[in-house]
N, C-alpha and C. Protein backbone atom coordinates (compact mmCIF):
# COMPACT_ATOMS: atom_id res chain seq x y z
N MET A 1 -26.28 -12.83 -120.23
CA MET A 1 -26.89 -12.16 -119.08
C MET A 1 -25.95 -11.10 -118.54
N ALA A 2 -26.54 -10.01 -117.98
CA ALA A 2 -25.70 -8.93 -117.50
C ALA A 2 -26.40 -8.19 -116.38
N ILE A 3 -25.59 -7.61 -115.49
CA ILE A 3 -26.12 -6.75 -114.44
C ILE A 3 -26.26 -5.36 -115.04
N PRO A 4 -27.46 -4.79 -115.05
CA PRO A 4 -27.62 -3.46 -115.65
C PRO A 4 -26.92 -2.39 -114.81
N SER A 5 -26.43 -1.37 -115.48
CA SER A 5 -25.85 -0.23 -114.79
C SER A 5 -26.95 0.53 -114.06
N ARG A 6 -26.56 1.53 -113.29
CA ARG A 6 -27.56 2.34 -112.60
C ARG A 6 -28.54 2.96 -113.59
N THR A 7 -28.02 3.54 -114.68
CA THR A 7 -28.89 4.18 -115.65
C THR A 7 -29.76 3.15 -116.36
N ALA A 8 -29.19 2.01 -116.70
CA ALA A 8 -29.96 0.96 -117.39
C ALA A 8 -31.06 0.41 -116.48
N ALA A 9 -30.75 0.22 -115.20
CA ALA A 9 -31.78 -0.26 -114.26
C ALA A 9 -32.88 0.78 -114.11
N ALA A 10 -32.50 2.05 -114.03
CA ALA A 10 -33.49 3.13 -113.93
C ALA A 10 -34.34 3.19 -115.18
N ALA A 11 -33.71 3.02 -116.35
CA ALA A 11 -34.46 3.05 -117.60
C ALA A 11 -35.45 1.89 -117.68
N LEU A 12 -35.04 0.73 -117.18
CA LEU A 12 -35.94 -0.43 -117.19
C LEU A 12 -37.13 -0.17 -116.28
N LEU A 13 -36.88 0.39 -115.12
CA LEU A 13 -37.98 0.74 -114.22
C LEU A 13 -38.93 1.73 -114.88
N LEU A 14 -38.38 2.78 -115.50
CA LEU A 14 -39.21 3.81 -116.12
C LEU A 14 -40.01 3.28 -117.31
N SER A 15 -39.51 2.23 -117.95
CA SER A 15 -40.21 1.68 -119.12
C SER A 15 -41.58 1.14 -118.76
N PHE A 16 -41.82 0.88 -117.48
CA PHE A 16 -43.12 0.38 -117.02
C PHE A 16 -44.04 1.51 -116.55
N ASP A 17 -43.58 2.76 -116.67
CA ASP A 17 -44.37 3.92 -116.24
C ASP A 17 -44.88 3.73 -114.81
N PRO A 18 -43.95 3.57 -113.86
CA PRO A 18 -44.35 3.26 -112.48
C PRO A 18 -45.02 4.44 -111.79
N PRO A 19 -45.96 4.17 -110.87
CA PRO A 19 -46.56 5.25 -110.08
C PRO A 19 -45.53 5.83 -109.11
N GLU A 20 -45.79 7.05 -108.68
CA GLU A 20 -44.82 7.74 -107.82
C GLU A 20 -44.59 7.00 -106.50
N TRP A 21 -45.63 6.40 -105.93
CA TRP A 21 -45.46 5.72 -104.65
C TRP A 21 -44.48 4.56 -104.78
N LEU A 22 -44.53 3.86 -105.92
CA LEU A 22 -43.62 2.73 -106.09
C LEU A 22 -42.20 3.22 -106.35
N VAL A 23 -42.08 4.30 -107.13
CA VAL A 23 -40.74 4.88 -107.35
C VAL A 23 -40.13 5.30 -106.02
N SER A 24 -40.94 5.91 -105.15
CA SER A 24 -40.44 6.33 -103.84
C SER A 24 -39.97 5.13 -103.03
N HIS A 25 -40.75 4.05 -103.06
CA HIS A 25 -40.38 2.87 -102.28
C HIS A 25 -39.11 2.22 -102.81
N VAL A 26 -39.06 1.92 -104.10
CA VAL A 26 -37.89 1.22 -104.62
C VAL A 26 -36.65 2.10 -104.56
N SER A 27 -36.84 3.43 -104.65
CA SER A 27 -35.69 4.34 -104.49
C SER A 27 -35.12 4.24 -103.09
N ALA A 28 -36.02 4.24 -102.09
CA ALA A 28 -35.55 4.14 -100.70
C ALA A 28 -34.84 2.81 -100.46
N VAL A 29 -35.43 1.71 -100.94
CA VAL A 29 -34.80 0.40 -100.76
C VAL A 29 -33.44 0.36 -101.44
N ALA A 30 -33.38 0.86 -102.68
CA ALA A 30 -32.12 0.81 -103.43
C ALA A 30 -31.04 1.66 -102.79
N GLU A 31 -31.41 2.77 -102.18
CA GLU A 31 -30.41 3.64 -101.57
C GLU A 31 -29.95 3.13 -100.21
N VAL A 32 -30.84 2.50 -99.47
CA VAL A 32 -30.42 1.84 -98.23
C VAL A 32 -29.50 0.66 -98.56
N ALA A 33 -29.87 -0.11 -99.57
CA ALA A 33 -29.05 -1.25 -99.98
C ALA A 33 -27.68 -0.80 -100.46
N ALA A 34 -27.65 0.32 -101.20
CA ALA A 34 -26.37 0.83 -101.70
C ALA A 34 -25.46 1.25 -100.56
N PHE A 35 -26.03 1.88 -99.54
CA PHE A 35 -25.24 2.28 -98.37
C PHE A 35 -24.64 1.05 -97.69
N LEU A 36 -25.46 0.04 -97.48
CA LEU A 36 -24.99 -1.17 -96.80
C LEU A 36 -23.93 -1.89 -97.62
N ALA A 37 -24.14 -1.95 -98.93
CA ALA A 37 -23.15 -2.61 -99.79
C ALA A 37 -21.84 -1.84 -99.79
N GLU A 38 -21.92 -0.51 -99.82
CA GLU A 38 -20.69 0.29 -99.80
C GLU A 38 -19.92 0.09 -98.50
N ARG A 39 -20.64 0.10 -97.38
CA ARG A 39 -19.97 -0.07 -96.10
C ARG A 39 -19.38 -1.48 -95.96
N THR A 40 -20.09 -2.46 -96.49
CA THR A 40 -19.57 -3.83 -96.47
C THR A 40 -18.29 -3.92 -97.29
N HIS A 41 -18.32 -3.35 -98.48
CA HIS A 41 -17.14 -3.35 -99.36
C HIS A 41 -15.98 -2.62 -98.69
N ALA A 42 -16.27 -1.50 -98.03
CA ALA A 42 -15.21 -0.70 -97.39
C ALA A 42 -14.50 -1.48 -96.29
N ARG A 43 -15.16 -2.48 -95.72
CA ARG A 43 -14.56 -3.30 -94.67
C ARG A 43 -13.78 -4.49 -95.26
N GLY A 44 -13.69 -4.54 -96.59
CA GLY A 44 -12.95 -5.61 -97.23
C GLY A 44 -13.73 -6.89 -97.42
N VAL A 45 -15.05 -6.82 -97.24
CA VAL A 45 -15.90 -7.99 -97.43
C VAL A 45 -16.41 -7.99 -98.86
N PRO A 46 -16.16 -9.03 -99.63
CA PRO A 46 -16.58 -9.04 -101.03
C PRO A 46 -18.10 -8.94 -101.17
N VAL A 47 -18.55 -8.01 -101.98
CA VAL A 47 -19.97 -7.85 -102.27
C VAL A 47 -20.09 -7.17 -103.63
N ASP A 48 -21.04 -7.61 -104.43
CA ASP A 48 -21.26 -7.02 -105.75
C ASP A 48 -22.22 -5.85 -105.60
N ARG A 49 -21.66 -4.65 -105.53
CA ARG A 49 -22.49 -3.47 -105.28
C ARG A 49 -23.43 -3.18 -106.45
N GLY A 50 -22.98 -3.43 -107.67
CA GLY A 50 -23.85 -3.21 -108.82
C GLY A 50 -25.06 -4.12 -108.80
N LEU A 51 -24.84 -5.37 -108.42
CA LEU A 51 -25.95 -6.32 -108.32
C LEU A 51 -26.93 -5.88 -107.23
N VAL A 52 -26.40 -5.48 -106.10
CA VAL A 52 -27.25 -5.04 -104.99
C VAL A 52 -28.12 -3.86 -105.42
N GLU A 53 -27.52 -2.86 -106.05
CA GLU A 53 -28.26 -1.66 -106.43
C GLU A 53 -29.34 -1.97 -107.45
N ALA A 54 -28.98 -2.72 -108.50
CA ALA A 54 -29.96 -3.01 -109.55
C ALA A 54 -31.09 -3.89 -109.03
N ALA A 55 -30.74 -4.92 -108.25
CA ALA A 55 -31.78 -5.81 -107.72
C ALA A 55 -32.72 -5.05 -106.78
N ALA A 56 -32.16 -4.17 -105.97
CA ALA A 56 -32.99 -3.42 -105.04
C ALA A 56 -33.92 -2.46 -105.78
N LEU A 57 -33.43 -1.81 -106.81
CA LEU A 57 -34.26 -0.89 -107.57
C LEU A 57 -35.39 -1.61 -108.30
N LEU A 58 -35.13 -2.84 -108.74
CA LEU A 58 -36.09 -3.58 -109.56
C LEU A 58 -36.82 -4.67 -108.78
N HIS A 59 -36.70 -4.67 -107.46
CA HIS A 59 -37.21 -5.81 -106.69
C HIS A 59 -38.73 -5.96 -106.76
N ASP A 60 -39.45 -4.87 -107.00
CA ASP A 60 -40.91 -4.93 -107.06
C ASP A 60 -41.44 -4.84 -108.49
N LEU A 61 -40.62 -5.23 -109.44
CA LEU A 61 -41.00 -5.09 -110.83
C LEU A 61 -42.28 -5.84 -111.18
N ASP A 62 -42.56 -6.95 -110.48
CA ASP A 62 -43.76 -7.73 -110.83
C ASP A 62 -45.04 -6.97 -110.49
N LYS A 63 -44.94 -5.91 -109.70
CA LYS A 63 -46.13 -5.08 -109.44
C LYS A 63 -46.48 -4.22 -110.65
N LEU A 64 -45.57 -4.16 -111.63
CA LEU A 64 -45.77 -3.36 -112.83
C LEU A 64 -46.02 -4.19 -114.08
N ILE A 65 -45.67 -5.46 -114.01
CA ILE A 65 -45.85 -6.35 -115.17
C ILE A 65 -47.34 -6.56 -115.41
N PRO A 66 -47.79 -6.49 -116.66
CA PRO A 66 -49.22 -6.66 -116.95
C PRO A 66 -49.79 -7.92 -116.29
N GLY A 67 -51.01 -7.79 -115.80
CA GLY A 67 -51.63 -8.86 -115.02
C GLY A 67 -51.83 -10.16 -115.76
N ASP A 68 -51.88 -10.11 -117.10
CA ASP A 68 -52.09 -11.34 -117.86
C ASP A 68 -50.81 -12.09 -118.15
N ASP A 69 -49.67 -11.56 -117.67
CA ASP A 69 -48.40 -12.25 -117.88
C ASP A 69 -48.34 -13.47 -116.96
N MET A 70 -48.01 -14.62 -117.50
CA MET A 70 -48.04 -15.86 -116.73
C MET A 70 -47.01 -15.90 -115.60
N VAL A 71 -46.05 -15.00 -115.61
CA VAL A 71 -45.06 -15.02 -114.51
C VAL A 71 -45.73 -14.77 -113.17
N HIS A 72 -46.88 -14.11 -113.16
CA HIS A 72 -47.55 -13.81 -111.90
C HIS A 72 -47.95 -15.07 -111.14
N GLU A 73 -48.08 -16.18 -111.87
CA GLU A 73 -48.43 -17.44 -111.21
C GLU A 73 -47.36 -17.87 -110.20
N LEU A 74 -46.16 -17.34 -110.33
CA LEU A 74 -45.06 -17.70 -109.44
C LEU A 74 -45.13 -16.99 -108.10
N GLY A 75 -45.91 -15.93 -108.02
CA GLY A 75 -46.01 -15.17 -106.78
C GLY A 75 -45.03 -14.01 -106.74
N HIS A 76 -45.26 -13.12 -105.76
CA HIS A 76 -44.45 -11.92 -105.64
C HIS A 76 -42.98 -12.27 -105.41
N GLY A 77 -42.12 -11.55 -106.05
CA GLY A 77 -40.68 -11.81 -105.95
C GLY A 77 -40.23 -12.79 -107.01
N GLU A 78 -40.76 -13.98 -106.96
CA GLU A 78 -40.41 -15.00 -107.96
C GLU A 78 -40.83 -14.55 -109.36
N ALA A 79 -41.97 -13.86 -109.45
CA ALA A 79 -42.44 -13.40 -110.76
C ALA A 79 -41.48 -12.38 -111.36
N ALA A 80 -41.05 -11.43 -110.56
CA ALA A 80 -40.09 -10.44 -111.04
C ALA A 80 -38.76 -11.09 -111.40
N ALA A 81 -38.35 -12.06 -110.58
CA ALA A 81 -37.10 -12.77 -110.86
C ALA A 81 -37.16 -13.49 -112.20
N ARG A 82 -38.28 -14.15 -112.47
CA ARG A 82 -38.43 -14.86 -113.75
C ARG A 82 -38.43 -13.87 -114.91
N TRP A 83 -39.15 -12.77 -114.76
CA TRP A 83 -39.21 -11.77 -115.83
C TRP A 83 -37.82 -11.22 -116.12
N LEU A 84 -37.07 -10.89 -115.09
CA LEU A 84 -35.73 -10.35 -115.28
C LEU A 84 -34.81 -11.38 -115.94
N THR A 85 -34.96 -12.63 -115.56
CA THR A 85 -34.16 -13.69 -116.19
C THR A 85 -34.48 -13.77 -117.67
N GLN A 86 -35.75 -13.74 -118.00
CA GLN A 86 -36.15 -13.80 -119.40
C GLN A 86 -35.67 -12.58 -120.18
N ALA A 87 -35.50 -11.45 -119.48
CA ALA A 87 -35.03 -10.22 -120.11
C ALA A 87 -33.51 -10.15 -120.19
N GLY A 88 -32.83 -11.18 -119.70
CA GLY A 88 -31.38 -11.22 -119.79
C GLY A 88 -30.64 -10.73 -118.56
N HIS A 89 -31.34 -10.60 -117.44
CA HIS A 89 -30.72 -10.13 -116.20
C HIS A 89 -30.84 -11.17 -115.09
N GLY A 90 -30.52 -12.39 -115.41
CA GLY A 90 -30.66 -13.48 -114.47
C GLY A 90 -29.81 -13.36 -113.23
N GLU A 91 -28.73 -12.58 -113.29
CA GLU A 91 -27.90 -12.40 -112.10
C GLU A 91 -28.66 -11.74 -110.95
N LEU A 92 -29.72 -11.02 -111.29
CA LEU A 92 -30.50 -10.32 -110.26
C LEU A 92 -31.56 -11.22 -109.63
N ALA A 93 -31.81 -12.37 -110.24
CA ALA A 93 -32.98 -13.17 -109.90
C ALA A 93 -33.03 -13.58 -108.43
N ARG A 94 -31.94 -14.11 -107.90
CA ARG A 94 -31.98 -14.63 -106.54
C ARG A 94 -32.27 -13.53 -105.52
N ALA A 95 -31.61 -12.38 -105.67
CA ALA A 95 -31.82 -11.28 -104.72
C ALA A 95 -33.23 -10.73 -104.82
N VAL A 96 -33.78 -10.67 -106.02
CA VAL A 96 -35.14 -10.17 -106.21
C VAL A 96 -36.15 -11.18 -105.66
N ALA A 97 -35.95 -12.45 -105.96
CA ALA A 97 -36.89 -13.49 -105.51
C ALA A 97 -36.95 -13.59 -103.99
N ALA A 98 -35.83 -13.31 -103.31
CA ALA A 98 -35.73 -13.55 -101.87
C ALA A 98 -36.21 -12.40 -101.01
N HIS A 99 -36.59 -11.27 -101.60
CA HIS A 99 -36.84 -10.08 -100.78
C HIS A 99 -38.17 -10.07 -100.02
N PRO A 100 -39.25 -10.73 -100.48
CA PRO A 100 -40.55 -10.52 -99.81
C PRO A 100 -40.54 -10.96 -98.34
N VAL A 101 -41.31 -10.24 -97.54
CA VAL A 101 -41.42 -10.59 -96.12
C VAL A 101 -42.02 -11.98 -95.96
N THR A 102 -42.77 -12.44 -96.95
CA THR A 102 -43.36 -13.79 -96.87
C THR A 102 -42.28 -14.86 -96.78
N ARG A 103 -41.07 -14.56 -97.23
CA ARG A 103 -39.97 -15.52 -97.10
C ARG A 103 -39.64 -15.79 -95.64
N LEU A 104 -40.02 -14.85 -94.77
CA LEU A 104 -39.72 -14.98 -93.35
C LEU A 104 -40.86 -15.61 -92.56
N LEU A 105 -42.00 -15.82 -93.20
CA LEU A 105 -43.16 -16.33 -92.48
C LEU A 105 -43.06 -17.82 -92.19
N ASP A 106 -42.45 -18.56 -93.10
CA ASP A 106 -42.36 -20.01 -92.98
C ASP A 106 -41.00 -20.39 -92.43
N ALA A 107 -40.97 -21.06 -91.30
CA ALA A 107 -39.70 -21.38 -90.62
C ALA A 107 -38.81 -22.26 -91.48
N ASP A 108 -39.38 -23.27 -92.13
CA ASP A 108 -38.56 -24.18 -92.94
C ASP A 108 -37.99 -23.46 -94.15
N ARG A 109 -38.84 -22.68 -94.82
CA ARG A 109 -38.37 -21.96 -96.00
C ARG A 109 -37.30 -20.94 -95.62
N TYR A 110 -37.52 -20.24 -94.51
CA TYR A 110 -36.52 -19.29 -94.04
C TYR A 110 -35.21 -20.01 -93.71
N GLY A 111 -35.31 -21.14 -93.03
CA GLY A 111 -34.11 -21.88 -92.65
C GLY A 111 -33.28 -22.30 -93.85
N ARG A 112 -33.97 -22.77 -94.89
CA ARG A 112 -33.24 -23.17 -96.11
C ARG A 112 -32.58 -21.96 -96.75
N TRP A 113 -33.31 -20.85 -96.82
CA TRP A 113 -32.74 -19.64 -97.43
C TRP A 113 -31.57 -19.11 -96.62
N ASN A 114 -31.73 -19.06 -95.31
CA ASN A 114 -30.67 -18.51 -94.46
C ASN A 114 -29.38 -19.31 -94.56
N GLY A 115 -29.52 -20.58 -94.89
CA GLY A 115 -28.32 -21.41 -94.99
C GLY A 115 -27.50 -21.19 -96.26
N VAL A 116 -28.13 -20.63 -97.28
CA VAL A 116 -27.43 -20.50 -98.57
C VAL A 116 -27.44 -19.08 -99.12
N ALA A 117 -28.12 -18.14 -98.48
CA ALA A 117 -28.28 -16.79 -99.02
C ALA A 117 -26.93 -16.09 -99.19
N THR A 118 -26.78 -15.40 -100.29
CA THR A 118 -25.57 -14.61 -100.55
C THR A 118 -25.62 -13.30 -99.76
N ARG A 119 -24.49 -12.63 -99.69
CA ARG A 119 -24.47 -11.31 -99.04
C ARG A 119 -25.42 -10.36 -99.76
N GLU A 120 -25.42 -10.43 -101.08
CA GLU A 120 -26.27 -9.53 -101.86
C GLU A 120 -27.75 -9.77 -101.56
N GLU A 121 -28.14 -11.03 -101.46
CA GLU A 121 -29.54 -11.35 -101.14
C GLU A 121 -29.92 -10.80 -99.77
N ARG A 122 -29.04 -10.98 -98.80
CA ARG A 122 -29.34 -10.52 -97.44
C ARG A 122 -29.49 -9.00 -97.40
N ILE A 123 -28.62 -8.30 -98.10
CA ILE A 123 -28.68 -6.84 -98.09
C ILE A 123 -29.99 -6.35 -98.71
N VAL A 124 -30.37 -6.89 -99.86
CA VAL A 124 -31.60 -6.46 -100.52
C VAL A 124 -32.81 -6.79 -99.65
N ALA A 125 -32.84 -7.99 -99.10
CA ALA A 125 -33.96 -8.39 -98.25
C ALA A 125 -34.07 -7.49 -97.02
N TYR A 126 -32.94 -7.17 -96.41
CA TYR A 126 -32.96 -6.32 -95.22
C TYR A 126 -33.35 -4.88 -95.58
N ALA A 127 -32.82 -4.36 -96.68
CA ALA A 127 -33.15 -2.99 -97.09
C ALA A 127 -34.66 -2.83 -97.28
N ASP A 128 -35.31 -3.86 -97.80
CA ASP A 128 -36.76 -3.81 -97.99
C ASP A 128 -37.49 -3.78 -96.66
N LYS A 129 -36.86 -4.28 -95.60
CA LYS A 129 -37.48 -4.26 -94.27
C LYS A 129 -37.26 -2.92 -93.56
N ARG A 130 -36.45 -2.04 -94.17
CA ARG A 130 -36.14 -0.76 -93.56
C ARG A 130 -36.72 0.43 -94.32
N ALA A 131 -37.43 0.16 -95.41
CA ALA A 131 -37.91 1.28 -96.23
C ALA A 131 -39.31 1.05 -96.74
N GLY A 132 -40.19 2.01 -96.41
CA GLY A 132 -41.48 2.07 -97.07
C GLY A 132 -41.32 3.03 -98.22
N VAL A 133 -41.67 4.29 -98.01
CA VAL A 133 -41.29 5.33 -98.97
C VAL A 133 -40.16 6.18 -98.41
N HIS A 134 -39.83 5.93 -97.14
CA HIS A 134 -38.71 6.58 -96.47
C HIS A 134 -37.96 5.52 -95.67
N LEU A 135 -36.74 5.84 -95.26
CA LEU A 135 -36.00 4.98 -94.34
C LEU A 135 -36.67 5.03 -92.98
N VAL A 136 -37.03 3.87 -92.46
CA VAL A 136 -37.69 3.79 -91.15
C VAL A 136 -37.03 2.67 -90.35
N THR A 137 -37.38 2.59 -89.09
CA THR A 137 -36.91 1.46 -88.29
C THR A 137 -37.65 0.20 -88.72
N MET A 138 -37.07 -0.94 -88.42
CA MET A 138 -37.74 -2.18 -88.76
C MET A 138 -39.03 -2.33 -87.95
N LYS A 139 -39.04 -1.81 -86.73
CA LYS A 139 -40.25 -1.85 -85.91
C LYS A 139 -41.39 -1.11 -86.61
N ALA A 140 -41.09 0.05 -87.17
CA ALA A 140 -42.11 0.83 -87.86
C ALA A 140 -42.59 0.11 -89.12
N ARG A 141 -41.66 -0.52 -89.81
CA ARG A 141 -42.03 -1.23 -91.05
C ARG A 141 -42.97 -2.39 -90.74
N PHE A 142 -42.64 -3.16 -89.72
CA PHE A 142 -43.50 -4.30 -89.36
C PHE A 142 -44.83 -3.83 -88.78
N SER A 143 -44.84 -2.71 -88.08
CA SER A 143 -46.09 -2.17 -87.56
C SER A 143 -47.02 -1.79 -88.70
N ALA A 144 -46.44 -1.25 -89.77
CA ALA A 144 -47.25 -0.89 -90.94
C ALA A 144 -47.83 -2.13 -91.59
N TRP A 145 -47.03 -3.20 -91.69
CA TRP A 145 -47.55 -4.45 -92.26
C TRP A 145 -48.65 -5.03 -91.38
N GLU A 146 -48.47 -4.97 -90.07
CA GLU A 146 -49.49 -5.52 -89.17
C GLU A 146 -50.79 -4.74 -89.29
N ALA A 147 -50.70 -3.43 -89.50
CA ALA A 147 -51.90 -2.62 -89.66
C ALA A 147 -52.60 -2.94 -90.98
N GLU A 148 -51.80 -3.22 -92.01
CA GLU A 148 -52.35 -3.52 -93.33
C GLU A 148 -52.92 -4.93 -93.41
N TYR A 149 -52.27 -5.86 -92.69
CA TYR A 149 -52.69 -7.27 -92.73
C TYR A 149 -52.93 -7.78 -91.30
N PRO A 150 -53.95 -7.29 -90.62
CA PRO A 150 -54.17 -7.67 -89.22
C PRO A 150 -54.37 -9.17 -89.03
N GLN A 151 -54.87 -9.85 -90.05
CA GLN A 151 -55.09 -11.30 -89.95
C GLN A 151 -53.78 -12.06 -89.92
N GLN A 152 -52.69 -11.40 -90.30
CA GLN A 152 -51.37 -12.03 -90.31
C GLN A 152 -50.50 -11.61 -89.13
N ARG A 153 -51.11 -11.00 -88.13
CA ARG A 153 -50.31 -10.43 -87.04
C ARG A 153 -49.40 -11.45 -86.37
N GLU A 154 -49.92 -12.61 -86.03
CA GLU A 154 -49.11 -13.62 -85.35
C GLU A 154 -47.96 -14.08 -86.24
N ASN A 155 -48.25 -14.30 -87.51
CA ASN A 155 -47.20 -14.70 -88.45
C ASN A 155 -46.15 -13.62 -88.59
N LEU A 156 -46.60 -12.36 -88.63
CA LEU A 156 -45.66 -11.26 -88.78
C LEU A 156 -44.79 -11.10 -87.54
N LEU A 157 -45.32 -11.40 -86.37
CA LEU A 157 -44.50 -11.35 -85.16
C LEU A 157 -43.37 -12.37 -85.24
N ARG A 158 -43.68 -13.56 -85.74
CA ARG A 158 -42.63 -14.57 -85.91
C ARG A 158 -41.65 -14.15 -86.99
N ALA A 159 -42.17 -13.57 -88.06
CA ALA A 159 -41.30 -13.11 -89.15
C ALA A 159 -40.37 -12.00 -88.65
N ARG A 160 -40.88 -11.16 -87.78
CA ARG A 160 -40.05 -10.06 -87.27
C ARG A 160 -38.84 -10.58 -86.51
N ALA A 161 -39.00 -11.65 -85.77
CA ALA A 161 -37.87 -12.23 -85.04
C ALA A 161 -36.80 -12.69 -86.03
N ARG A 162 -37.21 -13.27 -87.15
CA ARG A 162 -36.24 -13.69 -88.17
C ARG A 162 -35.64 -12.47 -88.86
N ALA A 163 -36.44 -11.44 -89.06
CA ALA A 163 -35.93 -10.21 -89.66
C ALA A 163 -34.89 -9.55 -88.75
N GLU A 164 -35.08 -9.65 -87.45
CA GLU A 164 -34.11 -9.09 -86.51
C GLU A 164 -32.79 -9.85 -86.60
N ARG A 165 -32.88 -11.15 -86.83
CA ARG A 165 -31.65 -11.93 -87.05
C ARG A 165 -30.96 -11.47 -88.33
N LEU A 166 -31.75 -11.24 -89.38
CA LEU A 166 -31.20 -10.74 -90.63
C LEU A 166 -30.56 -9.37 -90.42
N GLU A 167 -31.19 -8.53 -89.63
CA GLU A 167 -30.64 -7.21 -89.34
C GLU A 167 -29.28 -7.32 -88.67
N ARG A 168 -29.17 -8.23 -87.70
CA ARG A 168 -27.88 -8.41 -87.02
C ARG A 168 -26.82 -8.88 -88.00
N GLN A 169 -27.18 -9.81 -88.88
CA GLN A 169 -26.23 -10.34 -89.85
C GLN A 169 -25.72 -9.24 -90.78
N VAL A 170 -26.65 -8.47 -91.35
CA VAL A 170 -26.27 -7.46 -92.34
C VAL A 170 -25.53 -6.30 -91.70
N CYS A 171 -26.00 -5.84 -90.55
CA CYS A 171 -25.33 -4.71 -89.91
C CYS A 171 -23.95 -5.08 -89.40
N GLU A 172 -23.79 -6.30 -88.92
CA GLU A 172 -22.45 -6.75 -88.51
C GLU A 172 -21.53 -6.82 -89.72
N MET A 173 -22.05 -7.32 -90.83
CA MET A 173 -21.27 -7.41 -92.06
C MET A 173 -20.83 -6.02 -92.53
N ALA A 174 -21.74 -5.03 -92.40
CA ALA A 174 -21.45 -3.67 -92.85
C ALA A 174 -20.72 -2.84 -91.80
N GLY A 175 -20.65 -3.34 -90.57
CA GLY A 175 -19.96 -2.62 -89.52
C GLY A 175 -20.70 -1.38 -89.05
N VAL A 176 -22.04 -1.44 -89.06
CA VAL A 176 -22.85 -0.31 -88.60
C VAL A 176 -23.94 -0.83 -87.67
N SER A 177 -24.47 0.07 -86.85
CA SER A 177 -25.63 -0.28 -86.03
C SER A 177 -26.88 0.01 -86.86
N PRO A 178 -28.00 -0.62 -86.53
CA PRO A 178 -29.24 -0.32 -87.27
C PRO A 178 -29.58 1.16 -87.30
N LEU A 179 -29.32 1.87 -86.21
CA LEU A 179 -29.64 3.30 -86.16
C LEU A 179 -28.71 4.14 -87.02
N ALA A 180 -27.58 3.56 -87.43
CA ALA A 180 -26.61 4.29 -88.26
C ALA A 180 -26.82 4.05 -89.75
N VAL A 181 -27.78 3.22 -90.10
CA VAL A 181 -28.05 2.95 -91.51
C VAL A 181 -28.58 4.22 -92.17
N LYS A 182 -28.08 4.52 -93.36
CA LYS A 182 -28.47 5.72 -94.10
C LYS A 182 -28.83 5.35 -95.54
N ARG A 183 -29.16 6.35 -96.31
CA ARG A 183 -29.40 6.18 -97.75
C ARG A 183 -28.22 6.75 -98.51
N LEU A 184 -27.72 6.02 -99.48
CA LEU A 184 -26.70 6.51 -100.40
C LEU A 184 -27.45 7.02 -101.62
N ARG A 185 -27.56 8.34 -101.73
CA ARG A 185 -28.44 8.95 -102.72
C ARG A 185 -27.89 8.79 -104.14
N TRP A 186 -28.56 7.96 -104.93
CA TRP A 186 -28.13 7.77 -106.32
C TRP A 186 -29.29 7.60 -107.29
N VAL A 187 -30.49 7.29 -106.81
CA VAL A 187 -31.56 6.91 -107.72
C VAL A 187 -32.10 8.08 -108.52
N ALA A 188 -32.37 9.22 -107.88
CA ALA A 188 -32.92 10.36 -108.61
C ALA A 188 -31.99 10.79 -109.76
N PRO A 189 -30.67 10.92 -109.52
CA PRO A 189 -29.79 11.24 -110.65
C PRO A 189 -29.79 10.16 -111.73
N ALA A 190 -29.89 8.90 -111.32
CA ALA A 190 -29.91 7.82 -112.31
C ALA A 190 -31.19 7.86 -113.13
N LEU A 191 -32.32 8.16 -112.49
CA LEU A 191 -33.57 8.28 -113.23
C LEU A 191 -33.50 9.43 -114.22
N GLU A 192 -32.92 10.55 -113.78
CA GLU A 192 -32.79 11.68 -114.68
C GLU A 192 -31.85 11.35 -115.84
N ALA A 193 -30.76 10.65 -115.53
CA ALA A 193 -29.83 10.24 -116.58
C ALA A 193 -30.50 9.29 -117.56
N ALA A 194 -31.37 8.43 -117.03
CA ALA A 194 -32.09 7.50 -117.90
C ALA A 194 -33.03 8.25 -118.84
N ARG A 195 -33.67 9.27 -118.31
CA ARG A 195 -34.58 10.06 -119.14
C ARG A 195 -33.81 10.79 -120.24
N ARG A 196 -32.63 11.25 -119.89
CA ARG A 196 -31.82 12.02 -120.84
C ARG A 196 -30.75 11.18 -121.52
N GLN A 197 -30.54 9.94 -120.98
CA GLN A 197 -29.47 9.07 -121.45
C GLN A 197 -28.12 9.78 -121.40
N GLU A 198 -27.88 10.41 -120.23
CA GLU A 198 -26.62 11.08 -119.98
C GLU A 198 -25.73 10.19 -119.12
N PRO A 199 -24.42 10.46 -119.04
CA PRO A 199 -23.55 9.70 -118.14
C PRO A 199 -24.04 9.82 -116.71
N GLU A 200 -23.82 8.76 -115.94
CA GLU A 200 -24.32 8.71 -114.57
C GLU A 200 -23.47 9.56 -113.63
N PRO A 201 -24.12 10.39 -112.79
CA PRO A 201 -23.36 11.14 -111.79
C PRO A 201 -22.98 10.25 -110.61
N ALA A 202 -22.05 10.72 -109.80
CA ALA A 202 -21.64 9.96 -108.62
C ALA A 202 -22.72 10.05 -107.56
N ALA A 203 -22.73 9.04 -106.67
CA ALA A 203 -23.69 9.03 -105.58
C ALA A 203 -23.24 10.00 -104.49
N VAL A 204 -24.21 10.48 -103.72
CA VAL A 204 -23.93 11.36 -102.60
C VAL A 204 -24.59 10.76 -101.36
N ARG A 205 -23.80 10.49 -100.33
CA ARG A 205 -24.38 9.93 -99.12
C ARG A 205 -25.11 11.03 -98.36
N GLN A 206 -26.30 10.68 -97.87
CA GLN A 206 -27.10 11.66 -97.14
C GLN A 206 -27.86 10.97 -96.03
């Protein structure tokens, strides 16, 4: 098993011929996650930045896996985690499996996860709460979910309180305020490198 490089993760994503909306979303999540991982590392807190970046870029892979694949029986997140494990990238499984907002809906399930979650898992899960197709506030992200799933409004309100706790944990770890979170721009160059199979360029914070 191995953590794919930026180019390898981008190539794996492209192999599924993803729609532009999904590329925009996973790019935003991966770049927010990369920023948080870099800032965490800069403060001397151990974090696997390669794992964070690859897991964040591939976190929604099960939305691209053919519908007849039995991994879908596991549900969103878990399905992608199983597929990646079978493909030899099991190190990404926990961070990918833990990202869905549904993990925050159930108090017991959230409590168990919060007690054992790694730094990498927390960063990927939080980055997904800050990015639709662009970096947004968590309030805006949850408002979008409430508009899309009005029948889940009460559950989402409870989930948001847990997400705010996650935000405090991750931002304290990274030494930034939520409003100071940015994107570390690396995905577009990695996608281009994957298409051309060229060496990966350095990231540029923006």
